[in-house]
Amino acid sequence: MFKKALISIAISGLLTSTSVLAVSEQDIENSFFPYKSSLPAAAGIQVGMVINQSNWEVAKEVLDPAMLEQVKLGNYEIRVGETTSFDLHPNYIQATREQASQAQLGAKPGEISGTSAGRPFPAEPSAQDPRAGEKLAWNYKYGYNWGDSAAIMPFYWKYRNMATGQVERTIKFNFHFLNFTRRVNQEPKPAIEPNPSELFRATYVQALEPADVRDTQLLIQRFEDDSKLDNAYLYLGFQRRVRRLSTGQVTDAFLGSDIMIEDFEGYNGRISDMNWDYKGTRYMLMPFFNHNDLELATDMPAESDGYQFVDFTGQGGCFPKITWQLRKVYEVEAKPVDENHPVSRRVHYMDAQTFTIPRTNVYDRSGNLWKAWVIGQAHPDHHLPINKGSGVAIDDAFTMIDVQAQHCTTGQFKGIVDPSLTPPSKMNVQNLRASGR
């Protein structure tokens, strides 16, 4: 009888994770507007306070272990800002509403059906669902991250010695993102045609400065079919040729930084490359803010339109000078399927409203903390005028801190939601050759 009960529970769990379950209008409201009825609260945490080495214990329940340790060591001070709603674009929410209850996982990780736009799984995750983590990963992959298309022009990366504060290298890039399918706002909708390769999304990177990396370009093409390996191409300006990247190279340090290609945007890989485990939901301090309300950088020249970049502070200048908000967060652990992967696991802290990944802790193959990844999120209505009303949480500053090497790579963005900056013609190999001449 006991054995039969176990089988019954196992079958029930499998059905819960793979079958289509009813999603209510209240589920959708809760998913997209989690702060509609009340704001998050935590004991001892107040808007306007500064959390530092003298009072770090007050934040033990609302900061992840890596960031709490940096505050405890005196490397960073966190100023608490007011929790604000980052409403996504109404068209994305409506697409979710129209396809609610249709998304279904396949028998294997990386298989999904029944969804062509919007958030696949808007219902609250369940600890009893063995595939809850995988569903949250799909919500991230098919999230409104940068919307249907956007550009970061320019994008400054600085390589910093955390111990001395020395800026060892600065690289100026342009980044472009484009969705070929699941488009809800920018024309053409719902997809760019023709699309013979059945691509879902593409990312194009071009290095502008300094001279030794000028015209280095990266193109990543991701397929709708998650079982297919990404197409990834690198154009090296000094060689004037395109070469295809092998799978292993996406986990190498990109241009000598502390960042892997697989780290881009929080996680830049396939769902099927990881085993996903939902660890729980809680309120945490996360790097969300209004760009225009910050004390911005003065050591960098302002753009021609007056735009100023986020400043950096703390030990080695490795930390963004921003405010952090209490927000609803899903903690998800991702362990590589490939046992030869240089990472043993990543712990992602996914924002429950936007499904961006502003915080990730990366652990080495021995299981020790290796890197702390922070991607600051700016509200689009308090940023560049063109971003107002876009419903895109704007990536606005990052830091990847190698806690073992005491080194960091920081990023300062000028994110622009403008479809004219990212035509489909940028997202093919021919463009690499043409742009590199």
Protein backbone atom coordinates (compact mmCIF):
# COMPACT_ATOMS: atom_id res chain seq x y z
CA MET A 1 0.00 0.00 0.00
CA PHE A 2 2.86 2.38 0.92
CA LYS A 3 4.53 1.66 -2.45
CA LYS A 4 1.28 2.41 -4.29
CA ALA A 5 0.95 5.69 -2.41
CA LEU A 6 4.46 6.74 -3.46
CA ILE A 7 3.67 5.92 -7.09
CA SER A 8 0.47 7.93 -6.85
CA ILE A 9 2.32 10.95 -5.43
CA ALA A 10 4.98 10.69 -8.16
CA ILE A 11 2.37 10.55 -10.91
CA SER A 12 0.53 13.48 -9.36
CA GLY A 13 3.74 15.53 -9.29
CA LEU A 14 4.48 14.67 -12.94
CA LEU A 15 1.00 15.71 -14.00
CA THR A 16 1.31 18.96 -12.07
CA SER A 17 4.53 19.83 -13.86
CA THR A 18 3.60 18.84 -17.41
CA SER A 19 -0.17 19.23 -17.71
CA VAL A 20 -1.98 22.44 -18.58
CA LEU A 21 -3.32 23.99 -15.38
CA ALA A 22 -5.99 26.66 -15.10
CA VAL A 23 -4.68 30.20 -14.65
CA SER A 24 -7.08 32.77 -13.20
CA GLU A 25 -7.29 36.50 -13.79
CA GLN A 26 -6.19 36.91 -10.18
CA ASP A 27 -3.04 34.86 -10.94
CA ILE A 28 -2.20 37.29 -13.74
CA GLU A 29 -2.88 40.33 -11.55
CA ASN A 30 -0.70 38.94 -8.79
CA SER A 31 2.09 38.14 -11.25
CA PHE A 32 2.28 41.53 -12.96
CA PHE A 33 1.13 43.83 -10.14
CA PRO A 34 2.51 42.31 -6.91
CA TYR A 35 2.54 45.67 -5.09
CA LYS A 36 -0.98 46.77 -5.99
CA SER A 37 -2.52 46.18 -2.58
CA SER A 38 0.52 46.45 -0.30
CA LEU A 39 4.25 47.12 -0.34
CA PRO A 40 6.88 44.71 0.96
CA ALA A 41 8.05 45.18 4.53
CA ALA A 42 10.83 43.66 6.63
CA ALA A 43 11.77 44.14 10.25
CA GLY A 44 14.23 46.98 10.72
CA ILE A 45 14.26 48.02 7.04
CA GLN A 46 13.10 51.57 6.29
CA VAL A 47 13.17 53.72 3.17
CA GLY A 48 16.09 56.14 3.29
CA MET A 49 18.24 54.11 5.68
CA VAL A 50 21.81 53.12 4.88
CA ILE A 51 22.91 49.56 5.57
CA ASN A 52 26.63 49.33 6.23
CA GLN A 53 29.27 47.62 8.32
CA SER A 54 27.83 49.03 11.55
CA ASN A 55 24.29 47.66 11.13
CA TRP A 56 24.61 44.86 8.58
CA GLU A 57 22.79 42.36 10.80
CA VAL A 58 19.49 44.13 10.19
CA ALA A 59 19.69 42.95 6.55
CA LYS A 60 20.36 39.25 7.19
CA GLU A 61 16.90 38.26 5.95
CA VAL A 62 16.73 40.60 2.96
CA LEU A 63 20.18 40.40 1.36
CA ASP A 64 21.66 37.36 -0.35
CA PRO A 65 24.75 35.84 1.32
CA ALA A 66 27.33 37.30 -1.08
CA MET A 67 26.05 40.86 -0.93
CA LEU A 68 25.53 40.67 2.82
CA GLU A 69 29.19 39.63 3.17
CA GLN A 70 30.36 42.64 1.13
CA VAL A 71 28.39 44.96 3.40
CA LYS A 72 29.68 43.17 6.51
CA LEU A 73 33.28 43.62 5.31
CA GLY A 74 32.70 47.35 4.80
CA ASN A 75 33.14 47.11 1.04
CA TYR A 76 29.71 48.55 0.20
CA GLU A 77 26.90 50.58 1.72
CA ILE A 78 23.33 50.03 0.54
CA ARG A 79 20.82 52.86 0.56
CA VAL A 80 17.21 51.68 0.74
CA GLY A 81 14.81 53.24 -1.75
CA GLU A 82 11.03 53.14 -1.98
CA THR A 83 9.53 50.05 -3.62
CA THR A 84 7.99 51.05 -6.95
CA SER A 85 6.03 49.10 -9.52
CA PHE A 86 7.87 48.35 -12.78
CA ASP A 87 4.78 47.75 -14.92
CA LEU A 88 5.54 45.79 -18.08
CA HIS A 89 4.02 46.83 -21.41
CA PRO A 90 0.23 46.29 -21.53
CA ASN A 91 0.56 44.31 -24.77
CA TYR A 92 2.82 41.76 -23.06
CA ILE A 93 0.37 41.43 -20.18
CA GLN A 94 -2.54 41.03 -22.61
CA ALA A 95 -0.65 38.35 -24.55
CA THR A 96 -0.19 36.50 -21.27
CA ARG A 97 -3.90 36.85 -20.52
CA GLU A 98 -4.90 35.51 -23.95
CA GLN A 99 -2.67 32.44 -23.66
CA ALA A 100 -3.08 31.77 -19.95
CA SER A 101 -3.43 28.07 -19.11
CA GLN A 102 -2.05 26.94 -22.49
CA ALA A 103 1.67 26.59 -21.74
CA GLN A 104 2.84 23.04 -21.11
CA LEU A 105 6.25 21.56 -20.40
CA GLY A 106 7.39 18.57 -22.40
CA ALA A 107 8.77 15.33 -21.05
CA LYS A 108 12.34 16.66 -21.11
CA PRO A 109 13.81 19.93 -19.80
CA GLY A 110 13.85 22.52 -22.58
CA GLU A 111 10.59 21.34 -24.15
CA ILE A 112 7.56 23.64 -24.10
CA SER A 113 4.36 24.00 -26.10
CA GLY A 114 1.15 26.01 -26.11
CA THR A 115 2.68 29.47 -25.85
CA SER A 116 3.72 31.98 -28.50
CA ALA A 117 3.72 35.27 -26.57
CA GLY A 118 3.60 36.63 -23.05
CA ARG A 119 4.60 35.00 -19.76
CA PRO A 120 4.23 31.21 -20.06
CA PHE A 121 3.58 30.42 -16.38
CA PRO A 122 2.05 33.41 -14.54
CA ALA A 123 0.68 31.35 -11.64
CA GLU A 124 2.59 31.39 -8.37
CA PRO A 125 5.26 28.63 -8.22
CA SER A 126 4.63 25.72 -5.89
CA ALA A 127 7.24 24.00 -3.74
CA GLN A 128 5.35 20.76 -4.44
CA ASP A 129 5.91 21.12 -8.19
CA PRO A 130 9.22 19.37 -9.08
CA ARG A 131 9.51 21.50 -12.23
CA ALA A 132 8.66 24.88 -10.71
CA GLY A 133 12.24 26.08 -11.22
CA GLU A 134 12.12 25.17 -14.90
CA LYS A 135 8.87 27.11 -15.33
CA LEU A 136 10.45 30.18 -13.75
CA ALA A 137 13.39 29.80 -16.13
CA TRP A 138 10.97 29.85 -19.07
CA ASN A 139 9.34 32.99 -17.66
CA TYR A 140 12.79 34.60 -17.71
CA LYS A 141 13.67 33.40 -21.21
CA TYR A 142 10.35 34.58 -22.61
CA GLY A 143 10.27 37.71 -20.47
CA TYR A 144 10.03 41.29 -21.66
CA ASN A 145 13.77 41.78 -21.19
CA TRP A 146 14.65 44.75 -23.41
CA GLY A 147 11.22 44.35 -25.02
CA ASP A 148 10.99 43.34 -28.67
CA SER A 149 14.29 45.07 -29.43
CA ALA A 150 16.65 47.60 -27.89
CA ALA A 151 20.21 48.88 -28.01
CA ILE A 152 22.87 49.92 -25.54
CA MET A 153 24.78 52.72 -27.24
CA PRO A 154 27.33 53.24 -25.79
CA PHE A 155 28.16 50.60 -23.19
CA TYR A 156 31.33 51.02 -21.10
CA TRP A 157 33.04 48.09 -19.37
CA LYS A 158 35.77 48.83 -16.86
CA TYR A 159 38.14 46.20 -15.50
CA ARG A 160 39.05 47.10 -11.92
CA ASN A 161 41.49 45.89 -9.29
CA MET A 162 39.26 45.62 -6.25
CA ALA A 163 42.14 45.95 -3.79
CA THR A 164 43.65 49.13 -5.27
CA GLY A 165 40.79 50.67 -7.22
CA GLN A 166 42.93 50.85 -10.36
CA VAL A 167 40.95 50.84 -13.61
CA GLU A 168 43.07 48.50 -15.69
CA ARG A 169 41.12 48.69 -18.92
CA THR A 170 38.03 50.35 -20.42
CA ILE A 171 36.20 48.95 -23.43
CA LYS A 172 33.45 50.83 -25.26
CA PHE A 173 30.79 48.69 -26.91
CA ASN A 174 27.46 48.84 -28.67
CA PHE A 175 25.03 46.01 -27.81
CA HIS A 176 21.83 45.17 -29.71
CA PHE A 177 18.98 42.78 -28.86
CA LEU A 178 16.22 41.59 -31.18
CA ASN A 179 13.31 39.18 -30.81
CA PHE A 180 12.35 37.43 -34.04
CA THR A 181 9.25 35.86 -32.50
CA ARG A 182 6.92 36.54 -29.55
CA ARG A 183 6.79 40.22 -30.50
CA VAL A 184 3.98 42.17 -28.86
CA ASN A 185 4.76 45.85 -29.35
CA GLN A 186 7.09 46.73 -32.23
CA GLU A 187 6.16 46.02 -35.83
CA PRO A 188 6.21 43.52 -37.37
CA LYS A 189 4.08 41.53 -34.92
CA PRO A 190 3.99 38.73 -33.85
CA ALA A 191 7.14 37.70 -35.74
CA ILE A 192 9.78 38.87 -38.21
CA GLU A 193 9.46 37.05 -41.52
CA PRO A 194 11.05 35.37 -43.30
CA ASN A 195 12.74 33.43 -40.52
CA PRO A 196 13.92 30.21 -42.18
CA SER A 197 16.21 29.25 -39.28
CA GLU A 198 13.34 29.66 -36.79
CA LEU A 199 15.30 31.98 -34.53
CA PHE A 200 13.79 33.28 -31.32
CA ARG A 201 16.29 35.98 -30.37
CA ALA A 202 19.64 37.40 -31.35
CA THR A 203 22.30 39.51 -29.66
CA TYR A 204 24.91 41.55 -31.52
CA VAL A 205 27.95 43.13 -29.88
CA GLN A 206 30.48 45.49 -31.44
CA ALA A 207 33.60 46.77 -29.69
CA LEU A 208 34.41 50.39 -30.56
CA GLU A 209 37.44 51.20 -28.37
CA PRO A 210 40.34 50.76 -27.65
CA ALA A 211 42.23 50.11 -30.86
CA ASP A 212 43.36 46.57 -30.04
CA VAL A 213 39.76 45.29 -29.87
CA ARG A 214 38.11 47.73 -32.29
CA ASP A 215 35.69 45.95 -34.66
CA THR A 216 35.65 42.80 -32.55
CA GLN A 217 32.06 41.60 -32.96
CA LEU A 218 29.93 38.89 -31.42
CA LEU A 219 26.69 37.48 -32.79
CA ILE A 220 24.51 35.02 -30.88
CA GLN A 221 21.48 33.48 -32.55
CA ARG A 222 19.10 31.57 -30.30
CA PHE A 223 16.55 29.16 -31.73
CA GLU A 224 12.92 28.66 -30.82
CA ASP A 225 13.83 25.01 -30.37
CA ASP A 226 15.73 24.96 -27.07
CA SER A 227 17.34 21.62 -27.93
CA LYS A 228 19.38 23.32 -30.67
CA LEU A 229 22.73 24.79 -29.72
CA ASP A 230 22.99 28.54 -30.25
CA ASN A 231 24.79 29.82 -33.29
CA ALA A 232 27.60 32.01 -31.94
CA TYR A 233 30.08 33.85 -34.17
CA LEU A 234 33.06 36.05 -33.37
CA TYR A 235 34.64 38.54 -35.77
CA LEU A 236 38.17 39.57 -34.83
CA GLY A 237 39.08 42.91 -36.34
CA PHE A 238 42.81 42.28 -36.52
CA GLN A 239 42.22 38.97 -38.36
CA ARG A 240 39.32 40.24 -40.50
CA ARG A 241 37.53 36.95 -40.43
CA VAL A 242 34.51 35.35 -38.81
CA ARG A 243 34.88 32.21 -36.77
CA ARG A 244 32.25 30.11 -35.13
CA LEU A 245 32.49 29.75 -31.37
CA SER A 246 32.49 26.29 -29.87
CA THR A 247 30.12 25.49 -27.02
CA GLY A 248 32.90 25.66 -24.44
CA GLN A 249 33.92 29.19 -25.40
CA VAL A 250 30.72 30.73 -24.03
CA THR A 251 32.07 29.96 -20.55
CA ASP A 252 35.46 31.57 -21.17
CA ALA A 253 36.22 35.08 -19.89
CA PHE A 254 34.87 37.43 -22.57
CA LEU A 255 37.67 39.71 -23.80
CA GLY A 256 39.57 39.15 -20.57
CA SER A 257 36.75 40.40 -18.32
CA ASP A 258 35.20 38.69 -15.30
CA ILE A 259 32.15 37.84 -17.43
CA MET A 260 31.29 34.78 -19.51
CA ILE A 261 29.04 35.06 -22.56
CA GLU A 262 26.78 32.68 -20.63
CA ASP A 263 26.47 35.37 -17.91
CA PHE A 264 24.98 38.03 -20.19
CA GLU A 265 21.68 39.48 -18.88
CA GLY A 266 21.85 37.25 -15.80
CA TYR A 267 21.81 33.99 -17.73
CA ASN A 268 22.45 33.64 -21.44
CA GLY A 269 22.08 29.95 -22.18
CA ARG A 270 19.52 27.30 -22.97
CA ILE A 271 16.94 26.03 -20.49
CA SER A 272 18.08 22.50 -21.28
CA ASP A 273 21.69 23.28 -20.27
CA MET A 274 20.72 23.47 -16.60
CA ASN A 275 18.78 21.63 -13.94
CA TRP A 276 16.49 24.21 -12.34
CA ASP A 277 15.40 24.08 -8.71
CA TYR A 278 12.94 26.53 -7.14
CA LYS A 279 14.15 27.39 -3.64
CA GLY A 280 11.41 29.71 -2.45
CA THR A 281 9.85 33.16 -2.55
CA ARG A 282 10.74 36.06 -0.27
CA TYR A 283 11.17 39.81 -0.03
CA MET A 284 14.74 40.94 -0.72
CA LEU A 285 16.63 44.15 -1.36
CA MET A 286 17.25 44.35 -5.09
CA PRO A 287 19.02 46.94 -7.30
CA PHE A 288 15.96 48.82 -8.67
CA PHE A 289 15.94 52.61 -8.92
CA ASN A 290 15.08 55.76 -10.87
CA HIS A 291 18.12 56.73 -12.95
CA ASN A 292 17.22 60.42 -13.05
CA ASP A 293 17.04 60.60 -9.25
CA LEU A 294 20.57 59.27 -8.69
CA GLU A 295 23.80 61.13 -8.06
CA LEU A 296 25.33 60.30 -11.43
CA ALA A 297 28.92 59.92 -12.61
CA THR A 298 30.95 63.08 -13.17
CA ASP A 299 34.23 61.38 -14.13
CA MET A 300 32.82 60.47 -17.56
CA PRO A 301 31.78 62.99 -20.20
CA ALA A 302 28.03 63.37 -20.59
CA GLU A 303 26.50 62.26 -23.88
CA SER A 304 25.52 64.89 -26.46
CA ASP A 305 21.92 64.72 -25.22
CA GLY A 306 23.05 65.36 -21.65
CA TYR A 307 22.73 61.76 -20.51
CA GLN A 308 24.99 60.82 -17.58
CA PHE A 309 25.95 57.32 -16.52
CA VAL A 310 25.47 55.61 -13.17
CA ASP A 311 28.39 56.21 -10.83
CA PHE A 312 30.35 53.57 -8.90
CA THR A 313 31.49 53.48 -5.30
CA GLY A 314 32.69 51.17 -2.53
CA GLN A 315 35.79 49.01 -2.40
CA GLY A 316 37.76 49.36 -5.62
CA GLY A 317 34.89 51.30 -7.21
CA CYS A 318 33.26 47.91 -7.80
CA PHE A 319 29.71 48.74 -6.65
CA PRO A 320 26.98 50.79 -8.37
CA LYS A 321 26.01 53.99 -6.56
CA ILE A 322 22.29 53.30 -6.59
CA THR A 323 19.34 52.66 -4.29
CA TRP A 324 17.98 49.19 -3.57
CA GLN A 325 14.30 48.30 -3.13
CA LEU A 326 12.53 45.60 -1.15
CA ARG A 327 10.94 43.42 -3.82
CA LYS A 328 9.28 40.06 -4.24
CA VAL A 329 11.92 37.57 -5.43
CA TYR A 330 12.06 33.95 -6.58
CA GLU A 331 15.24 32.12 -5.63
CA VAL A 332 16.21 29.57 -8.28
CA GLU A 333 19.26 27.33 -8.34
CA ALA A 334 20.67 26.30 -11.73
CA LYS A 335 23.13 23.41 -11.93
CA PRO A 336 24.84 22.64 -15.26
CA VAL A 337 23.98 19.36 -16.93
CA ASP A 338 27.56 19.16 -18.24
CA GLU A 339 29.80 17.93 -15.42
CA ASN A 340 32.79 19.66 -17.07
CA HIS A 341 31.18 23.09 -16.78
CA PRO A 342 33.44 25.55 -14.87
CA VAL A 343 30.51 26.50 -12.63
CA SER A 344 28.98 24.06 -10.13
CA ARG A 345 25.83 26.14 -9.73
CA ARG A 346 24.33 29.58 -10.03
CA VAL A 347 21.81 30.92 -7.57
CA HIS A 348 19.55 33.37 -9.38
CA TYR A 349 17.37 35.89 -7.59
CA MET A 350 14.62 36.56 -10.13
CA ASP A 351 12.47 39.64 -9.74
CA ALA A 352 8.89 38.36 -9.52
CA GLN A 353 7.36 41.31 -11.38
CA THR A 354 9.75 41.84 -14.31
CA PHE A 355 11.43 38.40 -14.45
CA THR A 356 14.79 40.07 -14.92
CA ILE A 357 17.71 38.54 -12.98
CA PRO A 358 19.31 41.45 -11.09
CA ARG A 359 21.27 39.23 -8.68
CA THR A 360 23.16 35.99 -9.23
CA ASN A 361 25.79 34.25 -7.15
CA VAL A 362 28.15 31.97 -9.05
CA TYR A 363 29.93 29.02 -7.41
CA ASP A 364 33.08 27.30 -8.67
CA ARG A 365 33.44 23.58 -9.26
CA SER A 366 34.46 23.05 -5.64
CA GLY A 367 31.24 24.65 -4.49
CA ASN A 368 32.83 27.86 -3.21
CA LEU A 369 31.47 31.31 -3.97
CA TRP A 370 33.29 32.60 -7.03
CA LYS A 371 31.47 35.64 -8.38
CA ALA A 372 28.67 38.02 -7.42
CA TRP A 373 26.67 39.41 -10.35
CA VAL A 374 24.60 42.60 -9.98
CA ILE A 375 22.54 44.13 -12.81
CA GLY A 376 20.87 47.40 -11.78
CA GLN A 377 17.36 48.02 -13.12
CA ALA A 378 16.18 51.55 -13.91
CA HIS A 379 12.51 52.48 -14.26
CA PRO A 380 11.86 53.39 -17.92
CA ASP A 381 9.73 56.42 -16.99
CA HIS A 382 12.66 58.00 -15.12
CA HIS A 383 15.35 57.49 -17.73
CA LEU A 384 15.76 58.66 -21.33
CA PRO A 385 12.57 60.28 -22.72
CA ILE A 386 12.38 57.67 -25.51
CA ASN A 387 12.12 54.88 -22.91
CA LYS A 388 9.09 56.36 -21.15
CA GLY A 389 6.08 54.09 -21.43
CA SER A 390 8.11 51.24 -22.94
CA GLY A 391 7.40 48.88 -20.03
CA VAL A 392 11.03 47.73 -20.15
CA ALA A 393 13.08 47.47 -16.96
CA ILE A 394 16.22 49.17 -18.23
CA ASP A 395 19.55 47.48 -17.49
CA ASP A 396 21.50 50.51 -16.28
CA ALA A 397 24.63 49.40 -14.42
CA PHE A 398 26.34 46.12 -13.63
CA THR A 399 29.15 44.71 -11.58
CA MET A 400 30.62 41.23 -11.75
CA ILE A 401 32.81 40.77 -8.68
CA ASP A 402 35.29 37.92 -8.58
CA VAL A 403 35.49 37.55 -4.80
CA GLN A 404 38.34 35.04 -5.05
CA ALA A 405 40.58 37.18 -7.29
CA GLN A 406 39.49 40.48 -5.70
CA HIS A 407 38.71 41.87 -9.12
CA CYS A 408 35.61 43.21 -10.83
CA THR A 409 34.22 44.26 -14.18
CA THR A 410 31.70 47.10 -14.09
CA GLY A 411 29.28 48.25 -16.77
CA GLN A 412 27.68 51.63 -17.47
CA PHE A 413 24.77 51.63 -19.91
CA LYS A 414 22.88 53.96 -22.14
CA GLY A 415 19.94 51.69 -22.90
CA ILE A 416 17.62 52.83 -25.67
CA VAL A 417 14.30 51.21 -26.61
CA ASP A 418 14.17 52.27 -30.26
CA PRO A 419 13.48 49.69 -33.01
CA SER A 420 15.26 51.76 -35.66
CA LEU A 421 18.60 51.07 -33.95
CA THR A 422 18.34 47.29 -34.30
CA PRO A 423 17.13 46.15 -37.72
CA PRO A 424 17.10 42.42 -38.50
CA SER A 425 19.98 42.98 -40.91
CA LYS A 426 22.31 43.43 -37.92
CA MET A 427 21.66 39.88 -36.82
CA ASN A 428 23.38 37.87 -39.55
CA VAL A 429 26.92 36.79 -40.32
CA GLN A 430 27.08 38.99 -43.41
CA ASN A 431 26.74 42.05 -41.19
CA LEU A 432 29.82 40.98 -39.19
CA ARG A 433 31.91 41.05 -42.35
CA ALA A 434 30.41 44.28 -43.67
CA SER A 435 30.75 46.12 -40.35
CA GLY A 436 34.31 44.92 -39.81
CA ARG A 437 35.80 46.23 -43.00
